[in-house]
């Protein structure tokens, strides 16, 4: 058995639900953990192992590096990643495919644009819950729009921005006029 597929089997076993790590005794070997799994879990892991072996070597290496990075994470971060992965696996196939497609599109973007989107996403995460809920709802609505509806929404947004800019300019002018009148009264006396 080559090193990378062996790592893949170890990774699959480590991530398999129901596998616990002993706190006091030395951890059982990967082979022992595998043998202690129910037959259906063993078959699932064999299937994943065969899928992994069919991947190109570069892809297997990338997966090995990701597993190494996962293993170096602090326990809380690792738990969060494993929970996210578990939720992803539990999603219906069409939802998983949508997420993967979005990820592929994101990865195809230039680095500057990806950084900009990450910053915007962090802003959403930092927003208060009510604002975050509104942002996410707007995003869902946007995704459901046709290209024509999006164009119309952009135009309405531009118009509102222009109206706001005009009102701000108007307020500034009125404020300046009031200031000038006060100065005239002060100097005119």
Protein backbone atom coordinates (compact mmCIF):
# COMPACT_ATOMS: atom_id res chain seq x y z
CA UNK A 1 0.00 0.00 0.00
CA UNK A 2 1.49 3.37 -0.94
CA UNK A 3 1.89 6.16 1.62
CA UNK A 4 -0.74 8.56 0.23
CA UNK A 5 -3.63 6.08 -0.02
CA UNK A 6 -2.70 4.81 3.44
CA UNK A 7 -2.95 8.39 4.66
CA UNK A 8 -6.30 8.69 2.95
CA UNK A 9 -7.59 5.62 4.72
CA UNK A 10 -6.29 7.00 8.01
CA UNK A 11 -7.97 10.32 7.28
CA UNK A 12 -11.24 8.64 6.43
CA UNK A 13 -11.08 6.60 9.63
CA UNK A 14 -10.15 9.64 11.70
CA UNK A 15 -13.08 11.59 10.29
CA UNK A 16 -15.55 8.73 10.47
CA UNK A 17 -18.40 9.42 12.90
CA UNK A 18 -18.49 7.14 15.88
CA UNK A 19 -14.72 6.72 16.09
CA UNK A 20 -13.50 7.95 19.44
CA UNK A 21 -10.00 8.54 20.65
CA UNK A 22 -9.05 7.04 24.01
CA UNK A 23 -7.95 9.67 26.48
CA UNK A 24 -5.72 7.52 28.72
CA UNK A 25 -4.59 4.48 26.73
CA UNK A 26 -2.37 4.80 23.69
CA UNK A 27 -4.47 5.28 20.59
CA UNK A 28 -5.30 2.08 18.72
CA UNK A 29 -3.66 1.60 15.37
CA UNK A 30 -5.51 2.62 12.24
CA UNK A 31 -5.88 -1.05 11.38
CA UNK A 32 -7.45 -1.81 14.78
CA UNK A 33 -9.81 1.15 14.49
CA UNK A 34 -10.81 -0.02 11.01
CA UNK A 35 -11.48 -3.59 12.19
CA UNK A 36 -13.61 -2.28 15.06
CA UNK A 37 -15.90 -0.36 12.72
CA UNK A 38 -19.27 -1.82 11.71
CA UNK A 39 -19.14 -3.65 8.34
CA UNK A 40 -21.13 -0.90 6.56
CA UNK A 41 -18.61 1.72 7.75
CA UNK A 42 -15.73 -0.47 6.62
CA UNK A 43 -17.30 -0.76 3.18
CA UNK A 44 -17.88 2.99 3.02
CA UNK A 45 -14.21 3.59 3.84
CA UNK A 46 -13.09 1.02 1.25
CA UNK A 47 -15.22 2.81 -1.33
CA UNK A 48 -13.69 6.19 -0.39
CA UNK A 49 -10.23 4.64 -0.51
CA UNK A 50 -10.85 3.32 -4.05
CA UNK A 51 -12.12 6.77 -5.10
CA UNK A 52 -9.01 8.35 -3.63
CA UNK A 53 -6.75 5.95 -5.50
CA UNK A 54 -8.38 6.96 -8.79
CA UNK A 55 -7.40 10.61 -8.25
CA UNK A 56 -4.34 12.03 -10.01
CA UNK A 57 -1.20 12.05 -7.84
CA UNK A 58 -1.20 15.86 -7.58
CA UNK A 59 -4.77 15.83 -6.25
CA UNK A 60 -3.92 13.10 -3.72
CA UNK A 61 -0.93 15.17 -2.58
CA UNK A 62 -3.15 18.22 -2.15
CA UNK A 63 -5.54 16.16 -0.04
CA UNK A 64 -2.64 14.83 2.06
CA UNK A 65 -1.45 18.39 2.68
CA UNK A 66 -4.98 19.42 3.70
CA UNK A 67 -5.14 16.48 6.11
CA UNK A 68 -1.75 17.46 7.57
CA UNK A 69 -3.02 21.01 8.03
CA UNK A 70 -6.20 19.70 9.67
CA UNK A 71 -4.16 17.58 12.07
CA UNK A 72 -2.04 20.61 13.08
CA UNK A 73 -5.10 22.73 13.92
CA UNK A 74 -5.98 23.54 17.52
CA UNK A 75 -8.72 21.17 18.76
CA UNK A 76 -11.47 23.83 18.68
CA UNK A 77 -10.66 24.78 15.07
CA UNK A 78 -10.43 21.15 14.03
CA UNK A 79 -13.82 20.42 15.63
CA UNK A 80 -15.35 23.39 13.79
CA UNK A 81 -13.93 22.17 10.45
CA UNK A 82 -15.09 18.61 11.08
CA UNK A 83 -18.58 19.85 12.02
CA UNK A 84 -18.77 21.94 8.85
CA UNK A 85 -17.64 18.96 6.77
CA UNK A 86 -20.21 16.70 8.45
CA UNK A 87 -22.98 19.23 7.72
CA UNK A 88 -21.76 19.48 4.12
CA UNK A 89 -21.92 15.69 3.69
CA UNK A 90 -25.46 15.66 5.11
CA UNK A 91 -26.71 18.20 2.56
CA UNK A 92 -28.72 17.04 -0.43
CA UNK A 93 -26.48 16.41 -3.47
CA UNK A 94 -27.84 19.42 -5.38
CA UNK A 95 -26.98 21.78 -2.50
CA UNK A 96 -23.48 20.31 -2.22
CA UNK A 97 -23.00 20.79 -5.96
CA UNK A 98 -24.13 24.43 -5.73
CA UNK A 99 -21.62 25.06 -2.97
CA UNK A 100 -18.84 23.34 -4.91
CA UNK A 101 -19.71 25.34 -8.03
CA UNK A 102 -19.55 28.60 -6.06
CA UNK A 103 -16.21 27.52 -4.60
CA UNK A 104 -14.84 26.78 -8.09
CA UNK A 105 -16.00 30.19 -9.31
CA UNK A 106 -14.41 31.83 -6.27
CA UNK A 107 -11.11 30.05 -6.88
CA UNK A 108 -11.12 31.23 -10.52
CA UNK A 109 -11.29 34.89 -9.46
CA UNK A 110 -8.15 37.03 -9.39
CA UNK A 111 -6.45 37.12 -5.95
CA UNK A 112 -7.40 40.79 -5.40
CA UNK A 113 -11.08 40.05 -5.98
CA UNK A 114 -10.96 37.02 -3.67
CA UNK A 115 -9.38 39.18 -0.95
CA UNK A 116 -12.07 41.82 -1.46
CA UNK A 117 -14.83 39.21 -1.16
CA UNK A 118 -13.24 37.72 1.96
CA UNK A 119 -13.19 41.19 3.54
CA UNK A 120 -16.83 41.74 2.61
CA UNK A 121 -17.71 38.35 4.07
CA UNK A 122 -15.89 39.22 7.29
CA UNK A 123 -17.96 42.41 7.40
CA UNK A 124 -21.12 40.33 7.16
CA UNK A 125 -19.89 38.10 9.99
CA UNK A 126 -19.05 41.13 12.16
CA UNK A 127 -22.46 42.74 11.55
CA UNK A 128 -25.04 42.65 14.31
CA UNK A 129 -27.44 39.69 13.95
CA UNK A 130 -30.36 41.71 12.56
CA UNK A 131 -28.16 43.39 9.93
CA UNK A 132 -26.49 40.07 9.05
CA UNK A 133 -29.92 38.44 8.61
CA UNK A 134 -30.97 41.25 6.26
CA UNK A 135 -27.75 40.97 4.24
CA UNK A 136 -28.14 37.22 3.84
CA UNK A 137 -31.80 37.61 2.85
CA UNK A 138 -30.81 40.19 0.22
CA UNK A 139 -28.17 37.80 -1.10
CA UNK A 140 -30.72 34.99 -1.39
CA UNK A 141 -33.13 37.28 -3.25
CA UNK A 142 -30.31 38.42 -5.56
CA UNK A 143 -29.43 34.84 -6.46
CA UNK A 144 -33.04 34.12 -7.39
CA UNK A 145 -33.30 37.11 -9.73
CA UNK A 146 -33.00 36.87 -13.48
CA UNK A 147 -30.22 38.91 -15.14
CA UNK A 148 -32.84 41.47 -16.23
CA UNK A 149 -34.17 41.81 -12.69
CA UNK A 150 -30.62 42.29 -11.43
CA UNK A 151 -30.03 45.03 -14.00
CA UNK A 152 -33.24 46.75 -12.88
CA UNK A 153 -32.23 46.45 -9.23
CA UNK A 154 -28.80 47.93 -10.01
CA UNK A 155 -30.44 50.84 -11.81
CA UNK A 156 -32.82 51.49 -8.89
CA UNK A 157 -29.85 51.38 -6.53
CA UNK A 158 -27.92 53.88 -8.68
CA UNK A 159 -30.96 56.17 -8.78
CA UNK A 160 -31.35 56.03 -5.00
CA UNK A 161 -27.66 56.76 -4.57
CA UNK A 162 -27.93 59.76 -6.89
CA UNK A 163 -31.04 61.02 -5.07
CA UNK A 164 -29.23 60.73 -1.74
CA UNK A 165 -26.19 62.51 -3.15
CA UNK A 166 -28.41 65.33 -4.45
CA UNK A 167 -30.16 65.68 -1.07
CA UNK A 168 -26.81 65.78 0.73
CA UNK A 169 -25.61 68.46 -1.67
CA UNK A 170 -28.84 70.41 -1.14
CA UNK A 171 -28.45 70.23 2.64
CA UNK A 172 -24.84 71.37 2.36
CA UNK A 173 -25.83 74.33 0.21
CA UNK A 174 -28.61 75.34 2.63
CA UNK A 175 -26.23 75.01 5.55
CA UNK A 176 -23.68 77.18 3.73
CA UNK A 177 -26.36 79.79 2.95
CA UNK A 178 -27.43 79.91 6.61
CA UNK A 179 -23.80 80.30 7.66
CA UNK A 180 -23.29 83.14 5.18
CA UNK A 181 -26.45 84.92 6.43
CA UNK A 182 -25.24 84.65 10.03
CA UNK A 183 -21.89 86.09 9.03
CA UNK A 184 -23.60 88.96 7.18
CA UNK A 185 -25.71 89.76 10.23
CA UNK A 186 -22.67 89.67 12.49
CA UNK A 187 -20.56 91.89 10.21
CA UNK A 188 -23.44 94.10 9.16
CA UNK A 189 -24.15 95.34 12.69
